[in-house]
Amino acid sequence: MVSQELLEILRCPACVREKDGLLTLTRETWLVCQDCGRKYPIVDDIPVMLIDEGDKWIATAPDSLPVPPPSR
């Protein structure tokens, strides 16, 4: 599980320069950007914060995200 302290400092890499890029923990295994809607998986307790990875899931509704996220 990702620590609360880490969750508080992580920001969406695509939005952080222009917006807040705040992330919400969803389904205990996904971080969803409140600004752009990109979704970043948490694989083996490590957030995969690559913009390309977030882009893959941008059109997927948070309730439809696979749990656990697929490994790369």
PDB file of N, CA and C in Angstrom:
ATOM      1  N   MET A   1       0.832  -1.179   0.000  1.00  0.00           N
ATOM      2  CA  MET A   1       0.000   0.000   0.000  1.00  0.00           C
ATOM      3  C   MET A   1       0.879   1.245   0.000  1.00  0.00           C
ATOM      4  N   VAL A   2       0.471   2.254  -0.756  1.00  0.00           N
ATOM      5  CA  VAL A   2       1.215   3.505  -0.864  1.00  0.00           C
ATOM      6  C   VAL A   2       0.949   4.338   0.387  1.00  0.00           C
ATOM      7  N   SER A   3       1.996   4.910   0.952  1.00  0.00           N
ATOM      8  CA  SER A   3       1.837   5.686   2.180  1.00  0.00           C
ATOM      9  C   SER A   3       1.041   6.971   1.928  1.00  0.00           C
ATOM     10  N   GLN A   4       0.360   7.410   2.958  1.00  0.00           N
ATOM     11  CA  GLN A   4      -0.432   8.640   2.878  1.00  0.00           C
ATOM     12  C   GLN A   4       0.465   9.845   2.600  1.00  0.00           C
ATOM     13  N   GLU A   5       1.667   9.843   3.159  1.00  0.00           N
ATOM     14  CA  GLU A   5       2.606  10.949   2.934  1.00  0.00           C
ATOM     15  C   GLU A   5       2.991  11.060   1.457  1.00  0.00           C
ATOM     16  N   LEU A   6       3.204   9.924   0.816  1.00  0.00           N
ATOM     17  CA  LEU A   6       3.527   9.935  -0.610  1.00  0.00           C
ATOM     18  C   LEU A   6       2.337  10.421  -1.425  1.00  0.00           C
ATOM     19  N   LEU A   7       1.156   9.948  -1.079  1.00  0.00           N
ATOM     20  CA  LEU A   7      -0.048  10.375  -1.806  1.00  0.00           C
ATOM     21  C   LEU A   7      -0.257  11.886  -1.715  1.00  0.00           C
ATOM     22  N   GLU A   8       0.129  12.487  -0.614  1.00  0.00           N
ATOM     23  CA  GLU A   8      -0.049  13.925  -0.436  1.00  0.00           C
ATOM     24  C   GLU A   8       0.890  14.750  -1.302  1.00  0.00           C
ATOM     25  N   ILE A   9       2.052  14.203  -1.659  1.00  0.00           N
ATOM     26  CA  ILE A   9       2.995  14.995  -2.450  1.00  0.00           C
ATOM     27  C   ILE A   9       2.971  14.669  -3.947  1.00  0.00           C
ATOM     28  N   LEU A  10       2.440  13.506  -4.322  1.00  0.00           N
ATOM     29  CA  LEU A  10       2.386  13.143  -5.742  1.00  0.00           C
ATOM     30  C   LEU A  10       1.448  14.070  -6.504  1.00  0.00           C
ATOM     31  N   ARG A  11       1.822  14.417  -7.714  1.00  0.00           N
ATOM     32  CA  ARG A  11       1.008  15.249  -8.598  1.00  0.00           C
ATOM     33  C   ARG A  11       1.058  14.663  -9.998  1.00  0.00           C
ATOM     34  N   CYS A  12       0.034  14.948 -10.785  1.00  0.00           N
ATOM     35  CA  CYS A  12      -0.008  14.495 -12.172  1.00  0.00           C
ATOM     36  C   CYS A  12       1.140  15.155 -12.940  1.00  0.00           C
ATOM     37  N   PRO A  13       2.009  14.369 -13.559  1.00  0.00           N
ATOM     38  CA  PRO A  13       3.141  14.944 -14.281  1.00  0.00           C
ATOM     39  C   PRO A  13       2.726  15.768 -15.501  1.00  0.00           C
ATOM     40  N   ALA A  14       1.543  15.525 -16.034  1.00  0.00           N
ATOM     41  CA  ALA A  14       1.077  16.271 -17.204  1.00  0.00           C
ATOM     42  C   ALA A  14       0.503  17.636 -16.818  1.00  0.00           C
ATOM     43  N   CYS A  15       0.008  17.780 -15.608  1.00  0.00           N
ATOM     44  CA  CYS A  15      -0.701  19.004 -15.208  1.00  0.00           C
ATOM     45  C   CYS A  15       0.068  19.891 -14.246  1.00  0.00           C
ATOM     46  N   VAL A  16       1.048  19.365 -13.574  1.00  0.00           N
ATOM     47  CA  VAL A  16       1.661  20.042 -12.438  1.00  0.00           C
ATOM     48  C   VAL A  16       2.240  21.426 -12.784  1.00  0.00           C
ATOM     49  N   ARG A  17       2.644  21.672 -13.991  1.00  0.00           N
ATOM     50  CA  ARG A  17       3.231  22.969 -14.339  1.00  0.00           C
ATOM     51  C   ARG A  17       2.193  24.062 -14.519  1.00  0.00           C
ATOM     52  N   GLU A  18       0.985  23.694 -14.949  1.00  0.00           N
ATOM     53  CA  GLU A  18      -0.038  24.685 -15.241  1.00  0.00           C
ATOM     54  C   GLU A  18      -1.204  24.677 -14.258  1.00  0.00           C
ATOM     55  N   LYS A  19      -1.411  23.541 -13.582  1.00  0.00           N
ATOM     56  CA  LYS A  19      -2.530  23.391 -12.661  1.00  0.00           C
ATOM     57  C   LYS A  19      -2.034  22.696 -11.399  1.00  0.00           C
ATOM     58  N   ASP A  20      -2.958  22.414 -10.493  1.00  0.00           N
ATOM     59  CA  ASP A  20      -2.568  21.732  -9.254  1.00  0.00           C
ATOM     60  C   ASP A  20      -2.145  20.292  -9.493  1.00  0.00           C
ATOM     61  N   GLY A  21      -2.830  19.589 -10.400  1.00  0.00           N
ATOM     62  CA  GLY A  21      -2.501  18.195 -10.681  1.00  0.00           C
ATOM     63  C   GLY A  21      -2.753  17.268  -9.512  1.00  0.00           C
ATOM     64  N   LEU A  22      -3.732  17.624  -8.674  1.00  0.00           N
ATOM     65  CA  LEU A  22      -4.034  16.791  -7.507  1.00  0.00           C
ATOM     66  C   LEU A  22      -4.566  15.432  -7.922  1.00  0.00           C
ATOM     67  N   LEU A  23      -4.158  14.417  -7.186  1.00  0.00           N
ATOM     68  CA  LEU A  23      -4.539  13.041  -7.487  1.00  0.00           C
ATOM     69  C   LEU A  23      -5.443  12.487  -6.393  1.00  0.00           C
ATOM     70  N   THR A  24      -6.395  11.672  -6.814  1.00  0.00           N
ATOM     71  CA  THR A  24      -7.306  11.006  -5.899  1.00  0.00           C
ATOM     72  C   THR A  24      -7.074   9.506  -5.981  1.00  0.00           C
ATOM     73  N   LEU A  25      -6.945   8.862  -4.835  1.00  0.00           N
ATOM     74  CA  LEU A  25      -6.798   7.409  -4.810  1.00  0.00           C
ATOM     75  C   LEU A  25      -8.158   6.786  -5.092  1.00  0.00           C
ATOM     76  N   THR A  26      -8.208   5.952  -6.123  1.00  0.00           N
ATOM     77  CA  THR A  26      -9.453   5.312  -6.548  1.00  0.00           C
ATOM     78  C   THR A  26      -9.269   3.805  -6.563  1.00  0.00           C
ATOM     79  N   ARG A  27     -10.219   3.105  -6.020  1.00  0.00           N
ATOM     80  CA  ARG A  27     -10.222   1.641  -6.004  1.00  0.00           C
ATOM     81  C   ARG A  27      -8.958   1.060  -5.391  1.00  0.00           C
ATOM     82  N   GLU A  28      -8.290   1.847  -4.545  1.00  0.00           N
ATOM     83  CA  GLU A  28      -7.082   1.445  -3.813  1.00  0.00           C
ATOM     84  C   GLU A  28      -5.886   1.114  -4.696  1.00  0.00           C
ATOM     85  N   THR A  29      -6.044   1.189  -6.021  1.00  0.00           N
ATOM     86  CA  THR A  29      -4.933   0.824  -6.907  1.00  0.00           C
ATOM     87  C   THR A  29      -4.750   1.792  -8.070  1.00  0.00           C
ATOM     88  N   TRP A  30      -5.421   2.932  -8.035  1.00  0.00           N
ATOM     89  CA  TRP A  30      -5.320   3.908  -9.124  1.00  0.00           C
ATOM     90  C   TRP A  30      -5.242   5.314  -8.555  1.00  0.00           C
ATOM     91  N   LEU A  31      -4.467   6.174  -9.218  1.00  0.00           N
ATOM     92  CA  LEU A  31      -4.432   7.591  -8.901  1.00  0.00           C
ATOM     93  C   LEU A  31      -5.063   8.323 -10.079  1.00  0.00           C
ATOM     94  N   VAL A  32      -6.095   9.109  -9.815  1.00  0.00           N
ATOM     95  CA  VAL A  32      -6.821   9.817 -10.865  1.00  0.00           C
ATOM     96  C   VAL A  32      -6.588  11.310 -10.695  1.00  0.00           C
ATOM     97  N   CYS A  33      -6.146  11.967 -11.764  1.00  0.00           N
ATOM     98  CA  CYS A  33      -5.917  13.411 -11.742  1.00  0.00           C
ATOM     99  C   CYS A  33      -7.254  14.143 -11.742  1.00  0.00           C
ATOM    100  N   GLN A  34      -7.414  15.066 -10.813  1.00  0.00           N
ATOM    101  CA  GLN A  34      -8.647  15.840 -10.714  1.00  0.00           C
ATOM    102  C   GLN A  34      -8.768  16.877 -11.827  1.00  0.00           C
ATOM    103  N   ASP A  35      -7.653  17.225 -12.468  1.00  0.00           N
ATOM    104  CA  ASP A  35      -7.678  18.236 -13.529  1.00  0.00           C
ATOM    105  C   ASP A  35      -7.901  17.645 -14.918  1.00  0.00           C
ATOM    106  N   CYS A  36      -7.116  16.639 -15.291  1.00  0.00           N
ATOM    107  CA  CYS A  36      -7.170  16.139 -16.667  1.00  0.00           C
ATOM    108  C   CYS A  36      -7.861  14.782 -16.811  1.00  0.00           C
ATOM    109  N   GLY A  37      -8.010  14.054 -15.704  1.00  0.00           N
ATOM    110  CA  GLY A  37      -8.656  12.746 -15.763  1.00  0.00           C
ATOM    111  C   GLY A  37      -7.734  11.591 -16.104  1.00  0.00           C
ATOM    112  N   ARG A  38      -6.428  11.849 -16.242  1.00  0.00           N
ATOM    113  CA  ARG A  38      -5.517  10.732 -16.483  1.00  0.00           C
ATOM    114  C   ARG A  38      -5.536   9.821 -15.263  1.00  0.00           C
ATOM    115  N   LYS A  39      -5.334   8.539 -15.524  1.00  0.00           N
ATOM    116  CA  LYS A  39      -5.367   7.545 -14.456  1.00  0.00           C
ATOM    117  C   LYS A  39      -4.053   6.781 -14.441  1.00  0.00           C
ATOM    118  N   TYR A  40      -3.405   6.798 -13.281  1.00  0.00           N
ATOM    119  CA  TYR A  40      -2.100   6.167 -13.118  1.00  0.00           C
ATOM    120  C   TYR A  40      -2.238   4.941 -12.219  1.00  0.00           C
ATOM    121  N   PRO A  41      -1.811   3.767 -12.688  1.00  0.00           N
ATOM    122  CA  PRO A  41      -1.938   2.556 -11.876  1.00  0.00           C
ATOM    123  C   PRO A  41      -0.890   2.501 -10.772  1.00  0.00           C
ATOM    124  N   ILE A  42      -1.218   1.787  -9.726  1.00  0.00           N
ATOM    125  CA  ILE A  42      -0.266   1.477  -8.664  1.00  0.00           C
ATOM    126  C   ILE A  42       0.006  -0.020  -8.784  1.00  0.00           C
ATOM    127  N   VAL A  43       1.229  -0.353  -9.181  1.00  0.00           N
ATOM    128  CA  VAL A  43       1.615  -1.745  -9.425  1.00  0.00           C
ATOM    129  C   VAL A  43       2.675  -2.136  -8.393  1.00  0.00           C
ATOM    130  N   ASP A  44       2.408  -3.190  -7.639  1.00  0.00           N
ATOM    131  CA  ASP A  44       3.327  -3.644  -6.583  1.00  0.00           C
ATOM    132  C   ASP A  44       3.664  -2.504  -5.621  1.00  0.00           C
ATOM    133  N   ASP A  45       2.649  -1.733  -5.249  1.00  0.00           N
ATOM    134  CA  ASP A  45       2.767  -0.611  -4.307  1.00  0.00           C
ATOM    135  C   ASP A  45       3.611   0.548  -4.847  1.00  0.00           C
ATOM    136  N   ILE A  46       3.824   0.596  -6.154  1.00  0.00           N
ATOM    137  CA  ILE A  46       4.592   1.683  -6.767  1.00  0.00           C
ATOM    138  C   ILE A  46       3.711   2.399  -7.790  1.00  0.00           C
ATOM    139  N   PRO A  47       3.450   3.696  -7.599  1.00  0.00           N
ATOM    140  CA  PRO A  47       2.672   4.444  -8.592  1.00  0.00           C
ATOM    141  C   PRO A  47       3.460   4.569  -9.899  1.00  0.00           C
ATOM    142  N   VAL A  48       2.820   4.230 -10.998  1.00  0.00           N
ATOM    143  CA  VAL A  48       3.446   4.353 -12.317  1.00  0.00           C
ATOM    144  C   VAL A  48       3.036   5.723 -12.874  1.00  0.00           C
ATOM    145  N   MET A  49       3.877   6.725 -12.640  1.00  0.00           N
ATOM    146  CA  MET A  49       3.538   8.112 -12.941  1.00  0.00           C
ATOM    147  C   MET A  49       4.089   8.566 -14.296  1.00  0.00           C
ATOM    148  N   LEU A  50       3.925   7.745 -15.305  1.00  0.00           N
ATOM    149  CA  LEU A  50       4.343   8.092 -16.661  1.00  0.00           C
ATOM    150  C   LEU A  50       3.139   8.658 -17.407  1.00  0.00           C
ATOM    151  N   ILE A  51       3.329   9.773 -18.101  1.00  0.00           N
ATOM    152  CA  ILE A  51       2.219  10.396 -18.829  1.00  0.00           C
ATOM    153  C   ILE A  51       1.618   9.418 -19.834  1.00  0.00           C
ATOM    154  N   ASP A  52       2.457   8.664 -20.533  1.00  0.00           N
ATOM    155  CA  ASP A  52       1.951   7.679 -21.500  1.00  0.00           C
ATOM    156  C   ASP A  52       1.045   6.652 -20.833  1.00  0.00           C
ATOM    157  N   GLU A  53       1.384   6.256 -19.624  1.00  0.00           N
ATOM    158  CA  GLU A  53       0.563   5.286 -18.895  1.00  0.00           C
ATOM    159  C   GLU A  53      -0.774   5.918 -18.507  1.00  0.00           C
ATOM    160  N   GLY A  54      -0.746   7.164 -18.065  1.00  0.00           N
ATOM    161  CA  GLY A  54      -1.984   7.868 -17.725  1.00  0.00           C
ATOM    162  C   GLY A  54      -2.875   8.067 -18.934  1.00  0.00           C
ATOM    163  N   ASP A  55      -2.265   8.301 -20.099  1.00  0.00           N
ATOM    164  CA  ASP A  55      -3.024   8.490 -21.339  1.00  0.00           C
ATOM    165  C   ASP A  55      -3.794   7.233 -21.743  1.00  0.00           C
ATOM    166  N   LYS A  56      -3.238   6.057 -21.457  1.00  0.00           N
ATOM    167  CA  LYS A  56      -3.890   4.799 -21.840  1.00  0.00           C
ATOM    168  C   LYS A  56      -5.275   4.659 -21.220  1.00  0.00           C
ATOM    169  N   TRP A  57      -5.464   5.243 -20.034  1.00  0.00           N
ATOM    170  CA  TRP A  57      -6.683   5.018 -19.255  1.00  0.00           C
ATOM    171  C   TRP A  57      -7.579   6.239 -19.190  1.00  0.00           C
ATOM    172  N   ILE A  58      -7.240   7.314 -19.898  1.00  0.00           N
ATOM    173  CA  ILE A  58      -7.974   8.565 -19.768  1.00  0.00           C
ATOM    174  C   ILE A  58      -9.454   8.425 -20.130  1.00  0.00           C
ATOM    175  N   ALA A  59      -9.791   7.550 -21.068  1.00  0.00           N
ATOM    176  CA  ALA A  59     -11.186   7.392 -21.496  1.00  0.00           C
ATOM    177  C   ALA A  59     -11.955   6.370 -20.657  1.00  0.00           C
ATOM    178  N   THR A  60     -11.272   5.690 -19.752  1.00  0.00           N
ATOM    179  CA  THR A  60     -11.918   4.672 -18.931  1.00  0.00           C
ATOM    180  C   THR A  60     -12.522   5.310 -17.682  1.00  0.00           C
ATOM    181  N   ALA A  61     -13.765   5.006 -17.410  1.00  0.00           N
ATOM    182  CA  ALA A  61     -14.424   5.521 -16.207  1.00  0.00           C
ATOM    183  C   ALA A  61     -13.747   4.918 -14.974  1.00  0.00           C
ATOM    184  N   PRO A  62     -13.607   5.713 -13.907  1.00  0.00           N
ATOM    185  CA  PRO A  62     -12.949   5.185 -12.701  1.00  0.00           C
ATOM    186  C   PRO A  62     -13.555   3.882 -12.191  1.00  0.00           C
ATOM    187  N   ASP A  63     -14.854   3.719 -12.291  1.00  0.00           N
ATOM    188  CA  ASP A  63     -15.498   2.491 -11.821  1.00  0.00           C
ATOM    189  C   ASP A  63     -15.183   1.284 -12.702  1.00  0.00           C
ATOM    190  N   SER A  64     -14.683   1.538 -13.914  1.00  0.00           N
ATOM    191  CA  SER A  64     -14.376   0.449 -14.851  1.00  0.00           C
ATOM    192  C   SER A  64     -12.901   0.076 -14.882  1.00  0.00           C
ATOM    193  N   LEU A  65     -12.079   0.739 -14.089  1.00  0.00           N
ATOM    194  CA  LEU A  65     -10.652   0.438 -14.074  1.00  0.00           C
ATOM    195  C   LEU A  65     -10.413  -0.961 -13.503  1.00  0.00           C
ATOM    196  N   PRO A  66      -9.504  -1.722 -14.121  1.00  0.00           N
ATOM    197  CA  PRO A  66      -9.259  -3.083 -13.640  1.00  0.00           C
ATOM    198  C   PRO A  66      -8.516  -3.101 -12.296  1.00  0.00           C
ATOM    199  N   VAL A  67      -8.940  -3.992 -11.438  1.00  0.00           N
ATOM    200  CA  VAL A  67      -8.284  -4.182 -10.152  1.00  0.00           C
ATOM    201  C   VAL A  67      -7.905  -5.652 -10.060  1.00  0.00           C
ATOM    202  N   PRO A  68      -6.652  -5.972  -9.889  1.00  0.00           N
ATOM    203  CA  PRO A  68      -5.516  -5.067  -9.858  1.00  0.00           C
ATOM    204  C   PRO A  68      -5.177  -4.557 -11.261  1.00  0.00           C
ATOM    205  N   PRO A  69      -4.441  -3.433 -11.324  1.00  0.00           N
ATOM    206  CA  PRO A  69      -4.051  -2.917 -12.640  1.00  0.00           C
ATOM    207  C   PRO A  69      -3.157  -3.927 -13.366  1.00  0.00           C
ATOM    208  N   PRO A  70      -3.225  -3.935 -14.682  1.00  0.00           N
ATOM    209  CA  PRO A  70      -2.349  -4.840 -15.428  1.00  0.00           C
ATOM    210  C   PRO A  70      -0.894  -4.419 -15.245  1.00  0.00           C
ATOM    211  N   SER A  71      -0.019  -5.391 -15.149  1.00  0.00           N
ATOM    212  CA  SER A  71       1.407  -5.050 -15.056  1.00  0.00           C
ATOM    213  C   SER A  71       1.894  -4.738 -16.458  1.00  0.00           C
ATOM    214  N   ARG A  72       2.916  -3.973 -16.526  1.00  0.00           N
ATOM    215  CA  ARG A  72       3.431  -3.502 -17.808  1.00  0.00           C
ATOM    216  C   ARG A  72       3.939  -4.681 -18.561  1.00  0.00           C
TER     217      ARG A  72
END
